[in-house]
Amino acid sequence: MFRKTILIASLVVLAGPVFAQDDAIDRSGIYESEGDGQSLRVDLTHLSGDRYSAAISSTVPITDGVPGCGGGVAGELSIDGTDAMLSVPNEGFVEKEKETLQNSRFCKVSLTFLDEYTLELEEDSGCSYYHGASCSFTGTVVHEASGI
């Protein structure tokens, strides 16, 4: 009886870390969308723990009367549950001018996972330097594996 109790207790203790590892969702992959005249892409690469490398790009093609634009930004972020914030120094920040949404010290993009395959991006501030006036890092993108 004593051996059986020790065996069961050992299995419970040893299984704990294995089950705990399954709690973290690997969000790595390529997320894309095309619509409303804009292509949006996010490439997430898992680094360790909750840390990821993120590369976001946006493109609007040149059409009659519309100049088009494109650009991207990259950096590291931490994913906390379903939320993350990419914040990178804004290379276009002008120190001598008043800080505004356009002239911000940082380009900030919030990321929210709506489900396993869908990611919503919202450009918060200071990113026009990276993509031009007609583009944005706002939209909804879907993981490349969503149709499998």
C-alpha atoms as a PDB file:
ATOM      1  CA  MET A   1       0.000   0.000   0.000  1.00  0.00           C
ATOM      2  CA  PHE A   2       2.823   2.382   0.938  1.00  0.00           C
ATOM      3  CA  ARG A   3       4.663   1.683  -2.355  1.00  0.00           C
ATOM      4  CA  LYS A   4       1.494   2.315  -4.326  1.00  0.00           C
ATOM      5  CA  THR A   5       1.022   5.679  -2.575  1.00  0.00           C
ATOM      6  CA  ILE A   6       4.633   6.691  -3.281  1.00  0.00           C
ATOM      7  CA  LEU A   7       4.291   5.632  -6.930  1.00  0.00           C
ATOM      8  CA  ILE A   8       1.112   7.672  -7.421  1.00  0.00           C
ATOM      9  CA  ALA A   9       2.594  10.711  -5.649  1.00  0.00           C
ATOM     10  CA  SER A  10       5.740  10.486  -7.805  1.00  0.00           C
ATOM     11  CA  LEU A  11       3.714  10.332 -11.014  1.00  0.00           C
ATOM     12  CA  VAL A  12       1.667  13.370 -10.015  1.00  0.00           C
ATOM     13  CA  VAL A  13       4.781  15.403  -9.132  1.00  0.00           C
ATOM     14  CA  LEU A  14       6.672  14.401 -12.281  1.00  0.00           C
ATOM     15  CA  ALA A  15       3.704  14.965 -14.603  1.00  0.00           C
ATOM     16  CA  GLY A  16       3.158  18.540 -13.374  1.00  0.00           C
ATOM     17  CA  PRO A  17       5.951  20.174 -15.412  1.00  0.00           C
ATOM     18  CA  VAL A  18       4.923  18.250 -18.542  1.00  0.00           C
ATOM     19  CA  PHE A  19       1.351  19.524 -18.345  1.00  0.00           C
ATOM     20  CA  ALA A  20       2.536  23.038 -17.493  1.00  0.00           C
ATOM     21  CA  GLN A  21       4.567  23.186 -20.724  1.00  0.00           C
ATOM     22  CA  ASP A  22       1.418  22.602 -22.773  1.00  0.00           C
ATOM     23  CA  ASP A  23      -0.162  25.778 -21.358  1.00  0.00           C
ATOM     24  CA  ALA A  24       2.061  28.015 -23.517  1.00  0.00           C
ATOM     25  CA  ILE A  25       0.820  28.411 -27.085  1.00  0.00           C
ATOM     26  CA  ASP A  26       3.472  28.779 -29.763  1.00  0.00           C
ATOM     27  CA  ARG A  27       2.303  31.785 -31.803  1.00  0.00           C
ATOM     28  CA  SER A  28       5.146  31.494 -34.365  1.00  0.00           C
ATOM     29  CA  GLY A  29       4.399  31.741 -38.045  1.00  0.00           C
ATOM     30  CA  ILE A  30       3.383  34.007 -40.872  1.00  0.00           C
ATOM     31  CA  TYR A  31       0.093  35.898 -40.639  1.00  0.00           C
ATOM     32  CA  GLU A  32      -1.233  37.662 -43.753  1.00  0.00           C
ATOM     33  CA  SER A  33      -4.193  39.516 -45.189  1.00  0.00           C
ATOM     34  CA  GLU A  34      -5.050  41.214 -48.413  1.00  0.00           C
ATOM     35  CA  GLY A  35      -8.047  43.455 -48.699  1.00  0.00           C
ATOM     36  CA  ASP A  36      -9.198  47.039 -48.759  1.00  0.00           C
ATOM     37  CA  GLY A  37      -6.306  47.716 -51.153  1.00  0.00           C
ATOM     38  CA  GLN A  38      -3.679  46.908 -48.508  1.00  0.00           C
ATOM     39  CA  SER A  39      -1.504  43.845 -47.941  1.00  0.00           C
ATOM     40  CA  LEU A  40      -0.483  43.288 -44.331  1.00  0.00           C
ATOM     41  CA  ARG A  41       1.974  40.649 -43.099  1.00  0.00           C
ATOM     42  CA  VAL A  42       3.296  39.664 -39.671  1.00  0.00           C
ATOM     43  CA  ASP A  43       6.144  37.195 -39.192  1.00  0.00           C
ATOM     44  CA  LEU A  44       6.489  35.951 -35.592  1.00  0.00           C
ATOM     45  CA  THR A  45       9.512  33.895 -34.534  1.00  0.00           C
ATOM     46  CA  HIS A  46       9.636  32.351 -31.056  1.00  0.00           C
ATOM     47  CA  LEU A  47      12.808  33.247 -29.146  1.00  0.00           C
ATOM     48  CA  SER A  48      12.233  31.845 -25.631  1.00  0.00           C
ATOM     49  CA  GLY A  49       9.506  31.843 -23.009  1.00  0.00           C
ATOM     50  CA  ASP A  50       7.011  34.551 -23.978  1.00  0.00           C
ATOM     51  CA  ARG A  51       9.562  36.464 -26.138  1.00  0.00           C
ATOM     52  CA  TYR A  52       9.133  36.702 -29.907  1.00  0.00           C
ATOM     53  CA  SER A  53      10.759  38.501 -32.797  1.00  0.00           C
ATOM     54  CA  ALA A  54       8.130  40.313 -34.870  1.00  0.00           C
ATOM     55  CA  ALA A  55       8.370  41.752 -38.384  1.00  0.00           C
ATOM     56  CA  ILE A  56       5.354  43.696 -39.667  1.00  0.00           C
ATOM     57  CA  SER A  57       5.017  44.929 -43.250  1.00  0.00           C
ATOM     58  CA  SER A  58       2.331  46.824 -45.132  1.00  0.00           C
ATOM     59  CA  THR A  59       1.900  47.500 -48.858  1.00  0.00           C
ATOM     60  CA  VAL A  60      -0.599  49.509 -50.889  1.00  0.00           C
ATOM     61  CA  PRO A  61      -0.027  49.171 -54.660  1.00  0.00           C
ATOM     62  CA  ILE A  62       0.109  52.177 -56.969  1.00  0.00           C
ATOM     63  CA  THR A  63      -3.208  52.684 -58.778  1.00  0.00           C
ATOM     64  CA  ASP A  64      -4.780  55.478 -60.830  1.00  0.00           C
ATOM     65  CA  GLY A  65      -4.651  58.588 -58.695  1.00  0.00           C
ATOM     66  CA  VAL A  66      -3.324  56.793 -55.596  1.00  0.00           C
ATOM     67  CA  PRO A  67       0.444  56.925 -55.006  1.00  0.00           C
ATOM     68  CA  GLY A  68       0.775  53.667 -53.065  1.00  0.00           C
ATOM     69  CA  CYS A  69       3.226  52.992 -50.263  1.00  0.00           C
ATOM     70  CA  GLY A  70       4.955  50.267 -48.358  1.00  0.00           C
ATOM     71  CA  GLY A  71       7.225  49.601 -45.456  1.00  0.00           C
ATOM     72  CA  GLY A  72       7.914  47.564 -42.398  1.00  0.00           C
ATOM     73  CA  VAL A  73       9.104  47.544 -38.824  1.00  0.00           C
ATOM     74  CA  ALA A  74      10.724  44.829 -36.705  1.00  0.00           C
ATOM     75  CA  GLY A  75      11.561  44.252 -33.074  1.00  0.00           C
ATOM     76  CA  GLU A  76      11.090  41.989 -30.079  1.00  0.00           C
ATOM     77  CA  LEU A  77       7.986  41.699 -27.930  1.00  0.00           C
ATOM     78  CA  SER A  78       6.468  39.649 -25.116  1.00  0.00           C
ATOM     79  CA  ILE A  79       3.109  37.962 -25.602  1.00  0.00           C
ATOM     80  CA  ASP A  80       1.018  38.021 -22.420  1.00  0.00           C
ATOM     81  CA  GLY A  81      -1.939  35.699 -22.961  1.00  0.00           C
ATOM     82  CA  THR A  82      -3.565  37.138 -26.068  1.00  0.00           C
ATOM     83  CA  ASP A  83      -1.936  40.585 -26.008  1.00  0.00           C
ATOM     84  CA  ALA A  84       1.391  42.086 -27.033  1.00  0.00           C
ATOM     85  CA  MET A  85       2.848  45.505 -27.848  1.00  0.00           C
ATOM     86  CA  LEU A  86       5.606  46.069 -30.392  1.00  0.00           C
ATOM     87  CA  SER A  87       7.469  49.239 -29.449  1.00  0.00           C
ATOM     88  CA  VAL A  88      10.543  50.306 -31.416  1.00  0.00           C
ATOM     89  CA  PRO A  89      12.393  53.640 -31.457  1.00  0.00           C
ATOM     90  CA  ASN A  90      10.974  55.913 -34.165  1.00  0.00           C
ATOM     91  CA  GLU A  91      13.899  56.794 -36.443  1.00  0.00           C
ATOM     92  CA  GLY A  92      11.850  59.713 -37.806  1.00  0.00           C
ATOM     93  CA  PHE A  93      11.368  61.347 -34.390  1.00  0.00           C
ATOM     94  CA  VAL A  94      12.353  65.032 -34.432  1.00  0.00           C
ATOM     95  CA  GLU A  95      13.635  65.950 -30.960  1.00  0.00           C
ATOM     96  CA  LYS A  96      13.159  69.711 -31.446  1.00  0.00           C
ATOM     97  CA  GLU A  97       9.473  69.388 -32.380  1.00  0.00           C
ATOM     98  CA  LYS A  98       6.512  68.774 -30.098  1.00  0.00           C
ATOM     99  CA  GLU A  99       5.765  65.107 -29.502  1.00  0.00           C
ATOM    100  CA  THR A 100       2.521  64.074 -31.262  1.00  0.00           C
ATOM    101  CA  LEU A 101       1.005  60.836 -32.576  1.00  0.00           C
ATOM    102  CA  GLN A 102       2.962  61.363 -35.811  1.00  0.00           C
ATOM    103  CA  ASN A 103       6.134  62.656 -34.149  1.00  0.00           C
ATOM    104  CA  SER A 104       6.380  60.087 -31.374  1.00  0.00           C
ATOM    105  CA  ARG A 105       9.540  58.686 -29.785  1.00  0.00           C
ATOM    106  CA  PHE A 106       8.330  55.153 -30.483  1.00  0.00           C
ATOM    107  CA  CYS A 107       6.464  53.320 -33.206  1.00  0.00           C
ATOM    108  CA  LYS A 108       3.883  51.293 -31.271  1.00  0.00           C
ATOM    109  CA  VAL A 109       1.658  48.542 -32.632  1.00  0.00           C
ATOM    110  CA  SER A 110      -0.651  46.529 -30.376  1.00  0.00           C
ATOM    111  CA  LEU A 111      -1.289  42.886 -31.264  1.00  0.00           C
ATOM    112  CA  THR A 112      -4.303  40.917 -30.036  1.00  0.00           C
ATOM    113  CA  PHE A 113      -4.885  37.242 -30.779  1.00  0.00           C
ATOM    114  CA  LEU A 114      -8.611  36.823 -31.445  1.00  0.00           C
ATOM    115  CA  ASP A 115      -8.296  33.039 -31.690  1.00  0.00           C
ATOM    116  CA  GLU A 116      -5.698  30.390 -32.561  1.00  0.00           C
ATOM    117  CA  TYR A 117      -5.189  31.676 -36.116  1.00  0.00           C
ATOM    118  CA  THR A 118      -6.366  35.298 -36.161  1.00  0.00           C
ATOM    119  CA  LEU A 119      -4.315  38.311 -35.097  1.00  0.00           C
ATOM    120  CA  GLU A 120      -5.572  41.889 -34.911  1.00  0.00           C
ATOM    121  CA  LEU A 121      -3.094  44.767 -35.222  1.00  0.00           C
ATOM    122  CA  GLU A 122      -3.702  48.358 -34.178  1.00  0.00           C
ATOM    123  CA  GLU A 123      -1.101  51.020 -34.907  1.00  0.00           C
ATOM    124  CA  ASP A 124      -0.963  53.246 -31.838  1.00  0.00           C
ATOM    125  CA  SER A 125       1.584  55.937 -32.724  1.00  0.00           C
ATOM    126  CA  GLY A 126       4.759  57.028 -34.465  1.00  0.00           C
ATOM    127  CA  CYS A 127       4.914  54.539 -37.331  1.00  0.00           C
ATOM    128  CA  SER A 128       4.296  56.652 -40.459  1.00  0.00           C
ATOM    129  CA  TYR A 129       8.071  57.055 -40.876  1.00  0.00           C
ATOM    130  CA  TYR A 130       8.238  53.295 -41.511  1.00  0.00           C
ATOM    131  CA  HIS A 131       5.385  52.954 -44.040  1.00  0.00           C
ATOM    132  CA  GLY A 132       4.418  56.344 -45.484  1.00  0.00           C
ATOM    133  CA  ALA A 133       1.207  58.328 -45.271  1.00  0.00           C
ATOM    134  CA  SER A 134      -1.125  55.978 -47.185  1.00  0.00           C
ATOM    135  CA  CYS A 135      -0.236  52.762 -45.345  1.00  0.00           C
ATOM    136  CA  SER A 136      -0.724  51.584 -41.791  1.00  0.00           C
ATOM    137  CA  PHE A 137       0.035  48.645 -39.543  1.00  0.00           C
ATOM    138  CA  THR A 138      -3.660  48.296 -38.644  1.00  0.00           C
ATOM    139  CA  GLY A 139      -5.744  45.326 -39.728  1.00  0.00           C
ATOM    140  CA  THR A 140      -6.582  41.684 -39.168  1.00  0.00           C
ATOM    141  CA  VAL A 141      -4.261  38.930 -40.384  1.00  0.00           C
ATOM    142  CA  VAL A 142      -4.679  35.153 -40.478  1.00  0.00           C
ATOM    143  CA  HIS A 143      -2.033  32.472 -39.811  1.00  0.00           C
ATOM    144  CA  GLU A 144      -0.858  30.597 -42.904  1.00  0.00           C
ATOM    145  CA  ALA A 145      -1.879  27.272 -41.277  1.00  0.00           C
ATOM    146  CA  SER A 146      -5.499  28.338 -40.708  1.00  0.00           C
ATOM    147  CA  GLY A 147      -6.797  26.447 -43.739  1.00  0.00           C
ATOM    148  CA  ILE A 148      -5.093  23.147 -42.931  1.00  0.00           C
END
